[in-house]
Amino acid sequence: MPTYIMLSKLSEQGLQTLRANPERIREVNKDVEELGARVLHQWFMLGPYDFVNIVEAPDAKTIARVSVAISARGSTSLESYEAIEVSDVLDVLSA
């Protein structure tokens, strides 16, 4: 199944929600699953992004659905990138 990297930046509202209810992170991960994807790994970041998530989904349309649904809440903005295994890139370059 394809893997995606999702970078998120919390809005002021999102930061307030996180501070008041840290468990909200796990609730959002469950929401992601209900939308058809699965968070494999998640880290809090120091820098321009607040979280980096490694997400598995059947296709880019599913990631688009997740991104729009989560971003529409107003608590975060997301950037998503497809991750390709190095071995797959080597196979393509060797062909």
PDB file of N, CA and C in Angstrom:
ATOM      1  N   MET A   1       0.856  -1.171   0.000  1.00  0.00           N
ATOM      2  CA  MET A   1       0.000   0.000   0.000  1.00  0.00           C
ATOM      3  C   MET A   1       0.906   1.240   0.000  1.00  0.00           C
ATOM      4  N   PRO A   2       0.565   2.270  -0.769  1.00  0.00           N
ATOM      5  CA  PRO A   2       1.387   3.475  -0.824  1.00  0.00           C
ATOM      6  C   PRO A   2       1.535   4.156   0.546  1.00  0.00           C
ATOM      7  N   THR A   3       2.678   4.779   0.707  1.00  0.00           N
ATOM      8  CA  THR A   3       2.993   5.502   1.932  1.00  0.00           C
ATOM      9  C   THR A   3       3.087   6.989   1.615  1.00  0.00           C
ATOM     10  N   TYR A   4       2.592   7.806   2.533  1.00  0.00           N
ATOM     11  CA  TYR A   4       2.593   9.256   2.359  1.00  0.00           C
ATOM     12  C   TYR A   4       3.170   9.911   3.601  1.00  0.00           C
ATOM     13  N   ILE A   5       3.821  11.028   3.385  1.00  0.00           N
ATOM     14  CA  ILE A   5       4.309  11.855   4.484  1.00  0.00           C
ATOM     15  C   ILE A   5       3.374  13.046   4.562  1.00  0.00           C
ATOM     16  N   MET A   6       2.796  13.248   5.727  1.00  0.00           N
ATOM     17  CA  MET A   6       1.904  14.393   5.940  1.00  0.00           C
ATOM     18  C   MET A   6       2.542  15.311   6.975  1.00  0.00           C
ATOM     19  N   LEU A   7       2.782  16.542   6.566  1.00  0.00           N
ATOM     20  CA  LEU A   7       3.308  17.563   7.468  1.00  0.00           C
ATOM     21  C   LEU A   7       2.149  18.443   7.891  1.00  0.00           C
ATOM     22  N   SER A   8       2.040  18.689   9.185  1.00  0.00           N
ATOM     23  CA  SER A   8       0.932  19.519   9.649  1.00  0.00           C
ATOM     24  C   SER A   8       1.428  20.676  10.494  1.00  0.00           C
ATOM     25  N   LYS A   9       0.697  21.766  10.354  1.00  0.00           N
ATOM     26  CA  LYS A   9       0.974  22.980  11.119  1.00  0.00           C
ATOM     27  C   LYS A   9      -0.333  23.367  11.804  1.00  0.00           C
ATOM     28  N   LEU A  10      -0.288  23.437  13.125  1.00  0.00           N
ATOM     29  CA  LEU A  10      -1.492  23.764  13.879  1.00  0.00           C
ATOM     30  C   LEU A  10      -1.806  25.250  13.811  1.00  0.00           C
ATOM     31  N   SER A  11      -3.086  25.566  13.733  1.00  0.00           N
ATOM     32  CA  SER A  11      -3.539  26.958  13.837  1.00  0.00           C
ATOM     33  C   SER A  11      -3.569  27.325  15.313  1.00  0.00           C
ATOM     34  N   GLU A  12      -3.842  28.569  15.608  1.00  0.00           N
ATOM     35  CA  GLU A  12      -3.994  28.999  17.002  1.00  0.00           C
ATOM     36  C   GLU A  12      -5.066  28.164  17.692  1.00  0.00           C
ATOM     37  N   GLN A  13      -6.165  27.933  16.994  1.00  0.00           N
ATOM     38  CA  GLN A  13      -7.247  27.090  17.515  1.00  0.00           C
ATOM     39  C   GLN A  13      -6.747  25.676  17.801  1.00  0.00           C
ATOM     40  N   GLY A  14      -5.966  25.123  16.892  1.00  0.00           N
ATOM     41  CA  GLY A  14      -5.425  23.785  17.068  1.00  0.00           C
ATOM     42  C   GLY A  14      -4.478  23.695  18.255  1.00  0.00           C
ATOM     43  N   LEU A  15      -3.656  24.720  18.436  1.00  0.00           N
ATOM     44  CA  LEU A  15      -2.749  24.742  19.585  1.00  0.00           C
ATOM     45  C   LEU A  15      -3.528  24.799  20.897  1.00  0.00           C
ATOM     46  N   GLN A  16      -4.581  25.587  20.925  1.00  0.00           N
ATOM     47  CA  GLN A  16      -5.399  25.681  22.129  1.00  0.00           C
ATOM     48  C   GLN A  16      -6.084  24.347  22.427  1.00  0.00           C
ATOM     49  N   THR A  17      -6.571  23.694  21.378  1.00  0.00           N
ATOM     50  CA  THR A  17      -7.210  22.387  21.553  1.00  0.00           C
ATOM     51  C   THR A  17      -6.207  21.370  22.075  1.00  0.00           C
ATOM     52  N   LEU A  18      -5.013  21.350  21.511  1.00  0.00           N
ATOM     53  CA  LEU A  18      -3.973  20.410  21.933  1.00  0.00           C
ATOM     54  C   LEU A  18      -3.602  20.627  23.396  1.00  0.00           C
ATOM     55  N   ARG A  19      -3.474  21.874  23.778  1.00  0.00           N
ATOM     56  CA  ARG A  19      -3.114  22.175  25.170  1.00  0.00           C
ATOM     57  C   ARG A  19      -4.227  21.749  26.133  1.00  0.00           C
ATOM     58  N   ALA A  20      -5.472  21.990  25.760  1.00  0.00           N
ATOM     59  CA  ALA A  20      -6.607  21.649  26.623  1.00  0.00           C
ATOM     60  C   ALA A  20      -6.895  20.151  26.626  1.00  0.00           C
ATOM     61  N   ASN A  21      -6.593  19.474  25.499  1.00  0.00           N
ATOM     62  CA  ASN A  21      -6.941  18.060  25.367  1.00  0.00           C
ATOM     63  C   ASN A  21      -5.865  17.340  24.541  1.00  0.00           C
ATOM     64  N   PRO A  22      -4.731  17.000  25.139  1.00  0.00           N
ATOM     65  CA  PRO A  22      -3.658  16.334  24.390  1.00  0.00           C
ATOM     66  C   PRO A  22      -4.081  15.024  23.728  1.00  0.00           C
ATOM     67  N   GLU A  23      -5.058  14.330  24.306  1.00  0.00           N
ATOM     68  CA  GLU A  23      -5.521  13.068  23.727  1.00  0.00           C
ATOM     69  C   GLU A  23      -6.214  13.267  22.383  1.00  0.00           C
ATOM     70  N   ARG A  24      -6.488  14.514  22.028  1.00  0.00           N
ATOM     71  CA  ARG A  24      -7.131  14.810  20.744  1.00  0.00           C
ATOM     72  C   ARG A  24      -6.298  14.275  19.583  1.00  0.00           C
ATOM     73  N   ILE A  25      -4.995  14.193  19.784  1.00  0.00           N
ATOM     74  CA  ILE A  25      -4.119  13.653  18.736  1.00  0.00           C
ATOM     75  C   ILE A  25      -4.555  12.240  18.363  1.00  0.00           C
ATOM     76  N   ARG A  26      -4.785  11.407  19.349  1.00  0.00           N
ATOM     77  CA  ARG A  26      -5.207  10.024  19.074  1.00  0.00           C
ATOM     78  C   ARG A  26      -6.592   9.986  18.435  1.00  0.00           C
ATOM     79  N   GLU A  27      -7.459  10.894  18.845  1.00  0.00           N
ATOM     80  CA  GLU A  27      -8.800  10.957  18.263  1.00  0.00           C
ATOM     81  C   GLU A  27      -8.726  11.308  16.778  1.00  0.00           C
ATOM     82  N   VAL A  28      -7.844  12.245  16.432  1.00  0.00           N
ATOM     83  CA  VAL A  28      -7.683  12.623  15.021  1.00  0.00           C
ATOM     84  C   VAL A  28      -7.130  11.438  14.230  1.00  0.00           C
ATOM     85  N   ASN A  29      -6.214  10.679  14.822  1.00  0.00           N
ATOM     86  CA  ASN A  29      -5.677   9.498  14.130  1.00  0.00           C
ATOM     87  C   ASN A  29      -6.785   8.490  13.842  1.00  0.00           C
ATOM     88  N   LYS A  30      -7.735   8.357  14.761  1.00  0.00           N
ATOM     89  CA  LYS A  30      -8.885   7.476  14.517  1.00  0.00           C
ATOM     90  C   LYS A  30      -9.750   8.031  13.385  1.00  0.00           C
ATOM     91  N   ASP A  31      -9.891   9.355  13.337  1.00  0.00           N
ATOM     92  CA  ASP A  31     -10.636   9.988  12.235  1.00  0.00           C
ATOM     93  C   ASP A  31      -9.971   9.689  10.895  1.00  0.00           C
ATOM     94  N   VAL A  32      -8.648   9.728  10.870  1.00  0.00           N
ATOM     95  CA  VAL A  32      -7.898   9.413   9.652  1.00  0.00           C
ATOM     96  C   VAL A  32      -8.214   7.980   9.207  1.00  0.00           C
ATOM     97  N   GLU A  33      -8.275   7.060  10.159  1.00  0.00           N
ATOM     98  CA  GLU A  33      -8.612   5.672   9.821  1.00  0.00           C
ATOM     99  C   GLU A  33     -10.020   5.557   9.259  1.00  0.00           C
ATOM    100  N   GLU A  34     -10.956   6.299   9.835  1.00  0.00           N
ATOM    101  CA  GLU A  34     -12.331   6.274   9.332  1.00  0.00           C
ATOM    102  C   GLU A  34     -12.424   6.819   7.910  1.00  0.00           C
ATOM    103  N   LEU A  35     -11.457   7.657   7.528  1.00  0.00           N
ATOM    104  CA  LEU A  35     -11.429   8.221   6.176  1.00  0.00           C
ATOM    105  C   LEU A  35     -10.682   7.319   5.192  1.00  0.00           C
ATOM    106  N   GLY A  36     -10.165   6.176   5.673  1.00  0.00           N
ATOM    107  CA  GLY A  36      -9.569   5.201   4.770  1.00  0.00           C
ATOM    108  C   GLY A  36      -8.059   5.126   4.769  1.00  0.00           C
ATOM    109  N   ALA A  37      -7.386   5.836   5.661  1.00  0.00           N
ATOM    110  CA  ALA A  37      -5.927   5.796   5.746  1.00  0.00           C
ATOM    111  C   ALA A  37      -5.534   5.334   7.148  1.00  0.00           C
ATOM    112  N   ARG A  38      -4.220   5.145   7.366  1.00  0.00           N
ATOM    113  CA  ARG A  38      -3.762   4.700   8.682  1.00  0.00           C
ATOM    114  C   ARG A  38      -2.447   5.384   9.018  1.00  0.00           C
ATOM    115  N   VAL A  39      -2.372   5.990  10.197  1.00  0.00           N
ATOM    116  CA  VAL A  39      -1.143   6.626  10.662  1.00  0.00           C
ATOM    117  C   VAL A  39      -0.215   5.521  11.172  1.00  0.00           C
ATOM    118  N   LEU A  40       0.933   5.385  10.519  1.00  0.00           N
ATOM    119  CA  LEU A  40       1.908   4.375  10.912  1.00  0.00           C
ATOM    120  C   LEU A  40       2.851   4.900  11.986  1.00  0.00           C
ATOM    121  N   HIS A  41       3.294   6.149  11.816  1.00  0.00           N
ATOM    122  CA  HIS A  41       4.220   6.796  12.742  1.00  0.00           C
ATOM    123  C   HIS A  41       3.851   8.268  12.832  1.00  0.00           C
ATOM    124  N   GLN A  42       4.155   8.862  13.988  1.00  0.00           N
ATOM    125  CA  GLN A  42       3.826  10.276  14.175  1.00  0.00           C
ATOM    126  C   GLN A  42       4.830  10.874  15.144  1.00  0.00           C
ATOM    127  N   TRP A  43       5.330  12.057  14.796  1.00  0.00           N
ATOM    128  CA  TRP A  43       6.268  12.762  15.659  1.00  0.00           C
ATOM    129  C   TRP A  43       5.866  14.221  15.790  1.00  0.00           C
ATOM    130  N   PHE A  44       6.053  14.765  16.968  1.00  0.00           N
ATOM    131  CA  PHE A  44       5.922  16.204  17.181  1.00  0.00           C
ATOM    132  C   PHE A  44       7.240  16.820  16.759  1.00  0.00           C
ATOM    133  N   MET A  45       7.170  17.957  16.087  1.00  0.00           N
ATOM    134  CA  MET A  45       8.361  18.576  15.529  1.00  0.00           C
ATOM    135  C   MET A  45       8.635  19.933  16.162  1.00  0.00           C
ATOM    136  N   LEU A  46       9.879  20.303  16.183  1.00  0.00           N
ATOM    137  CA  LEU A  46      10.287  21.665  16.499  1.00  0.00           C
ATOM    138  C   LEU A  46      10.709  22.281  15.176  1.00  0.00           C
ATOM    139  N   GLY A  47      10.141  23.414  14.819  1.00  0.00           N
ATOM    140  CA  GLY A  47      10.452  24.037  13.543  1.00  0.00           C
ATOM    141  C   GLY A  47       9.185  24.523  12.874  1.00  0.00           C
ATOM    142  N   PRO A  48       9.194  24.644  11.555  1.00  0.00           N
ATOM    143  CA  PRO A  48       8.048  25.228  10.858  1.00  0.00           C
ATOM    144  C   PRO A  48       6.798  24.357  10.853  1.00  0.00           C
ATOM    145  N   TYR A  49       6.947  23.052  11.093  1.00  0.00           N
ATOM    146  CA  TYR A  49       5.793  22.149  11.160  1.00  0.00           C
ATOM    147  C   TYR A  49       5.673  21.625  12.581  1.00  0.00           C
ATOM    148  N   ASP A  50       4.440  21.311  12.974  1.00  0.00           N
ATOM    149  CA  ASP A  50       4.209  20.805  14.322  1.00  0.00           C
ATOM    150  C   ASP A  50       4.240  19.281  14.397  1.00  0.00           C
ATOM    151  N   PHE A  51       3.818  18.607  13.333  1.00  0.00           N
ATOM    152  CA  PHE A  51       3.811  17.149  13.309  1.00  0.00           C
ATOM    153  C   PHE A  51       4.261  16.643  11.945  1.00  0.00           C
ATOM    154  N   VAL A  52       4.917  15.491  11.959  1.00  0.00           N
ATOM    155  CA  VAL A  52       5.155  14.731  10.735  1.00  0.00           C
ATOM    156  C   VAL A  52       4.516  13.366  10.970  1.00  0.00           C
ATOM    157  N   ASN A  53       3.734  12.943  10.015  1.00  0.00           N
ATOM    158  CA  ASN A  53       2.999  11.682  10.088  1.00  0.00           C
ATOM    159  C   ASN A  53       3.364  10.826   8.885  1.00  0.00           C
ATOM    160  N   ILE A  54       3.633   9.571   9.143  1.00  0.00           N
ATOM    161  CA  ILE A  54       3.815   8.610   8.063  1.00  0.00           C
ATOM    162  C   ILE A  54       2.493   7.866   7.968  1.00  0.00           C
ATOM    163  N   VAL A  55       1.856   7.982   6.808  1.00  0.00           N
ATOM    164  CA  VAL A  55       0.490   7.493   6.640  1.00  0.00           C
ATOM    165  C   VAL A  55       0.444   6.510   5.475  1.00  0.00           C
ATOM    166  N   GLU A  56      -0.312   5.453   5.665  1.00  0.00           N
ATOM    167  CA  GLU A  56      -0.537   4.456   4.623  1.00  0.00           C
ATOM    168  C   GLU A  56      -1.968   4.627   4.117  1.00  0.00           C
ATOM    169  N   ALA A  57      -2.116   4.627   2.797  1.00  0.00           N
ATOM    170  CA  ALA A  57      -3.442   4.771   2.195  1.00  0.00           C
ATOM    171  C   ALA A  57      -3.454   4.052   0.855  1.00  0.00           C
ATOM    172  N   PRO A  58      -4.644   3.638   0.405  1.00  0.00           N
ATOM    173  CA  PRO A  58      -4.709   2.908  -0.863  1.00  0.00           C
ATOM    174  C   PRO A  58      -4.330   3.750  -2.081  1.00  0.00           C
ATOM    175  N   ASP A  59      -4.528   5.070  -2.008  1.00  0.00           N
ATOM    176  CA  ASP A  59      -4.240   5.910  -3.172  1.00  0.00           C
ATOM    177  C   ASP A  59      -4.229   7.387  -2.776  1.00  0.00           C
ATOM    178  N   ALA A  60      -3.823   8.221  -3.729  1.00  0.00           N
ATOM    179  CA  ALA A  60      -3.732   9.666  -3.491  1.00  0.00           C
ATOM    180  C   ALA A  60      -5.108  10.293  -3.250  1.00  0.00           C
ATOM    181  N   LYS A  61      -6.153   9.731  -3.835  1.00  0.00           N
ATOM    182  CA  LYS A  61      -7.503  10.264  -3.612  1.00  0.00           C
ATOM    183  C   LYS A  61      -7.883  10.154  -2.138  1.00  0.00           C
ATOM    184  N   THR A  62      -7.487   9.065  -1.514  1.00  0.00           N
ATOM    185  CA  THR A  62      -7.781   8.889  -0.087  1.00  0.00           C
ATOM    186  C   THR A  62      -7.036   9.930   0.737  1.00  0.00           C
ATOM    187  N   ILE A  63      -5.774  10.170   0.404  1.00  0.00           N
ATOM    188  CA  ILE A  63      -5.001  11.182   1.124  1.00  0.00           C
ATOM    189  C   ILE A  63      -5.607  12.560   0.903  1.00  0.00           C
ATOM    190  N   ALA A  64      -6.082  12.829  -0.294  1.00  0.00           N
ATOM    191  CA  ALA A  64      -6.750  14.113  -0.557  1.00  0.00           C
ATOM    192  C   ALA A  64      -7.999  14.249   0.312  1.00  0.00           C
ATOM    193  N   ARG A  65      -8.768  13.178   0.426  1.00  0.00           N
ATOM    194  CA  ARG A  65      -9.966  13.198   1.271  1.00  0.00           C
ATOM    195  C   ARG A  65      -9.594  13.486   2.731  1.00  0.00           C
ATOM    196  N   VAL A  66      -8.561  12.814   3.224  1.00  0.00           N
ATOM    197  CA  VAL A  66      -8.088  13.034   4.596  1.00  0.00           C
ATOM    198  C   VAL A  66      -7.655  14.479   4.773  1.00  0.00           C
ATOM    199  N   SER A  67      -6.859  14.969   3.853  1.00  0.00           N
ATOM    200  CA  SER A  67      -6.328  16.324   3.950  1.00  0.00           C
ATOM    201  C   SER A  67      -7.432  17.376   3.984  1.00  0.00           C
ATOM    202  N   VAL A  68      -8.399  17.252   3.088  1.00  0.00           N
ATOM    203  CA  VAL A  68      -9.502  18.221   3.042  1.00  0.00           C
ATOM    204  C   VAL A  68     -10.357  18.122   4.301  1.00  0.00           C
ATOM    205  N   ALA A  69     -10.688  16.899   4.703  1.00  0.00           N
ATOM    206  CA  ALA A  69     -11.559  16.717   5.871  1.00  0.00           C
ATOM    207  C   ALA A  69     -10.913  17.253   7.146  1.00  0.00           C
ATOM    208  N   ILE A  70      -9.643  16.960   7.352  1.00  0.00           N
ATOM    209  CA  ILE A  70      -8.968  17.405   8.575  1.00  0.00           C
ATOM    210  C   ILE A  70      -8.697  18.914   8.525  1.00  0.00           C
ATOM    211  N   SER A  71      -8.249  19.407   7.387  1.00  0.00           N
ATOM    212  CA  SER A  71      -7.962  20.843   7.265  1.00  0.00           C
ATOM    213  C   SER A  71      -9.214  21.702   7.382  1.00  0.00           C
ATOM    214  N   ALA A  72     -10.357  21.178   6.926  1.00  0.00           N
ATOM    215  CA  ALA A  72     -11.604  21.941   6.950  1.00  0.00           C
ATOM    216  C   ALA A  72     -12.049  22.268   8.371  1.00  0.00           C
ATOM    217  N   ARG A  73     -11.526  21.574   9.346  1.00  0.00           N
ATOM    218  CA  ARG A  73     -11.887  21.837  10.745  1.00  0.00           C
ATOM    219  C   ARG A  73     -11.310  23.146  11.263  1.00  0.00           C
ATOM    220  N   GLY A  74     -10.275  23.632  10.577  1.00  0.00           N
ATOM    221  CA  GLY A  74      -9.678  24.904  10.967  1.00  0.00           C
ATOM    222  C   GLY A  74      -8.596  24.812  12.027  1.00  0.00           C
ATOM    223  N   SER A  75      -8.256  23.606  12.460  1.00  0.00           N
ATOM    224  CA  SER A  75      -7.256  23.473  13.516  1.00  0.00           C
ATOM    225  C   SER A  75      -5.849  23.185  13.001  1.00  0.00           C
ATOM    226  N   THR A  76      -5.747  22.832  11.726  1.00  0.00           N
ATOM    227  CA  THR A  76      -4.441  22.511  11.157  1.00  0.00           C
ATOM    228  C   THR A  76      -4.455  22.694   9.646  1.00  0.00           C
ATOM    229  N   SER A  77      -3.277  22.867   9.091  1.00  0.00           N
ATOM    230  CA  SER A  77      -3.120  22.819   7.639  1.00  0.00           C
ATOM    231  C   SER A  77      -2.140  21.692   7.344  1.00  0.00           C
ATOM    232  N   LEU A  78      -2.380  20.981   6.257  1.00  0.00           N
ATOM    233  CA  LEU A  78      -1.599  19.786   5.931  1.00  0.00           C
ATOM    234  C   LEU A  78      -0.919  19.919   4.582  1.00  0.00           C
ATOM    235  N   GLU A  79       0.258  19.323   4.476  1.00  0.00           N
ATOM    236  CA  GLU A  79       0.937  19.114   3.201  1.00  0.00           C
ATOM    237  C   GLU A  79       1.217  17.623   3.115  1.00  0.00           C
ATOM    238  N   SER A  80       0.943  17.022   1.967  1.00  0.00           N
ATOM    239  CA  SER A  80       1.115  15.582   1.812  1.00  0.00           C
ATOM    240  C   SER A  80       2.032  15.284   0.637  1.00  0.00           C
ATOM    241  N   TYR A  81       2.870  14.283   0.824  1.00  0.00           N
ATOM    242  CA  TYR A  81       3.825  13.862  -0.192  1.00  0.00           C
ATOM    243  C   TYR A  81       3.829  12.343  -0.264  1.00  0.00           C
ATOM    244  N   GLU A  82       3.873  11.803  -1.477  1.00  0.00           N
ATOM    245  CA  GLU A  82       3.988  10.351  -1.601  1.00  0.00           C
ATOM    246  C   GLU A  82       5.442   9.955  -1.392  1.00  0.00           C
ATOM    247  N   ALA A  83       5.662   8.923  -0.600  1.00  0.00           N
ATOM    248  CA  ALA A  83       7.006   8.396  -0.345  1.00  0.00           C
ATOM    249  C   ALA A  83       7.195   7.124  -1.166  1.00  0.00           C
ATOM    250  N   ILE A  84       8.315   7.031  -1.836  1.00  0.00           N
ATOM    251  CA  ILE A  84       8.594   5.875  -2.681  1.00  0.00           C
ATOM    252  C   ILE A  84       9.824   5.168  -2.123  1.00  0.00           C
ATOM    253  N   GLU A  85       9.702   3.863  -1.930  1.00  0.00           N
ATOM    254  CA  GLU A  85      10.819   3.063  -1.424  1.00  0.00           C
ATOM    255  C   GLU A  85      12.030   3.217  -2.352  1.00  0.00           C
ATOM    256  N   VAL A  86      13.208   3.322  -1.755  1.00  0.00           N
ATOM    257  CA  VAL A  86      14.434   3.459  -2.537  1.00  0.00           C
ATOM    258  C   VAL A  86      14.608   2.260  -3.466  1.00  0.00           C
ATOM    259  N   SER A  87      14.277   1.069  -2.995  1.00  0.00           N
ATOM    260  CA  SER A  87      14.408  -0.121  -3.850  1.00  0.00           C
ATOM    261  C   SER A  87      13.527  -0.011  -5.098  1.00  0.00           C
ATOM    262  N   ASP A  88      12.353   0.611  -4.964  1.00  0.00           N
ATOM    263  CA  ASP A  88      11.478   0.792  -6.131  1.00  0.00           C
ATOM    264  C   ASP A  88      12.087   1.789  -7.114  1.00  0.00           C
ATOM    265  N   VAL A  89      12.713   2.825  -6.586  1.00  0.00           N
ATOM    266  CA  VAL A  89      13.376   3.802  -7.475  1.00  0.00           C
ATOM    267  C   VAL A  89      14.547   3.133  -8.188  1.00  0.00           C
ATOM    268  N   LEU A  90      15.303   2.320  -7.465  1.00  0.00           N
ATOM    269  CA  LEU A  90      16.427   1.621  -8.101  1.00  0.00           C
ATOM    270  C   LEU A  90      15.945   0.675  -9.181  1.00  0.00           C
ATOM    271  N   ASP A  91      14.818  -0.005  -8.954  1.00  0.00           N
ATOM    272  CA  ASP A  91      14.240  -0.885  -9.980  1.00  0.00           C
ATOM    273  C   ASP A  91      13.879  -0.103 -11.237  1.00  0.00           C
ATOM    274  N   VAL A  92      13.281   1.048 -11.055  1.00  0.00           N
ATOM    275  CA  VAL A  92      12.886   1.882 -12.200  1.00  0.00           C
ATOM    276  C   VAL A  92      14.114   2.373 -12.947  1.00  0.00           C
ATOM    277  N   LEU A  93      15.132   2.784 -12.203  1.00  0.00           N
ATOM    278  CA  LEU A  93      16.342   3.295 -12.843  1.00  0.00           C
ATOM    279  C   LEU A  93      17.150   2.201 -13.521  1.00  0.00           C
ATOM    280  N   SER A  94      17.001   0.979 -13.060  1.00  0.00           N
ATOM    281  CA  SER A  94      17.749  -0.149 -13.634  1.00  0.00           C
ATOM    282  C   SER A  94      17.083  -0.719 -14.890  1.00  0.00           C
ATOM    283  N   ALA A  95      15.824  -0.400 -15.087  1.00  0.00           N
ATOM    284  CA  ALA A  95      15.069  -0.971 -16.219  1.00  0.00           C
ATOM    285  C   ALA A  95      15.482  -0.350 -17.529  1.00  0.00           C
TER     286      ALA A  95
END
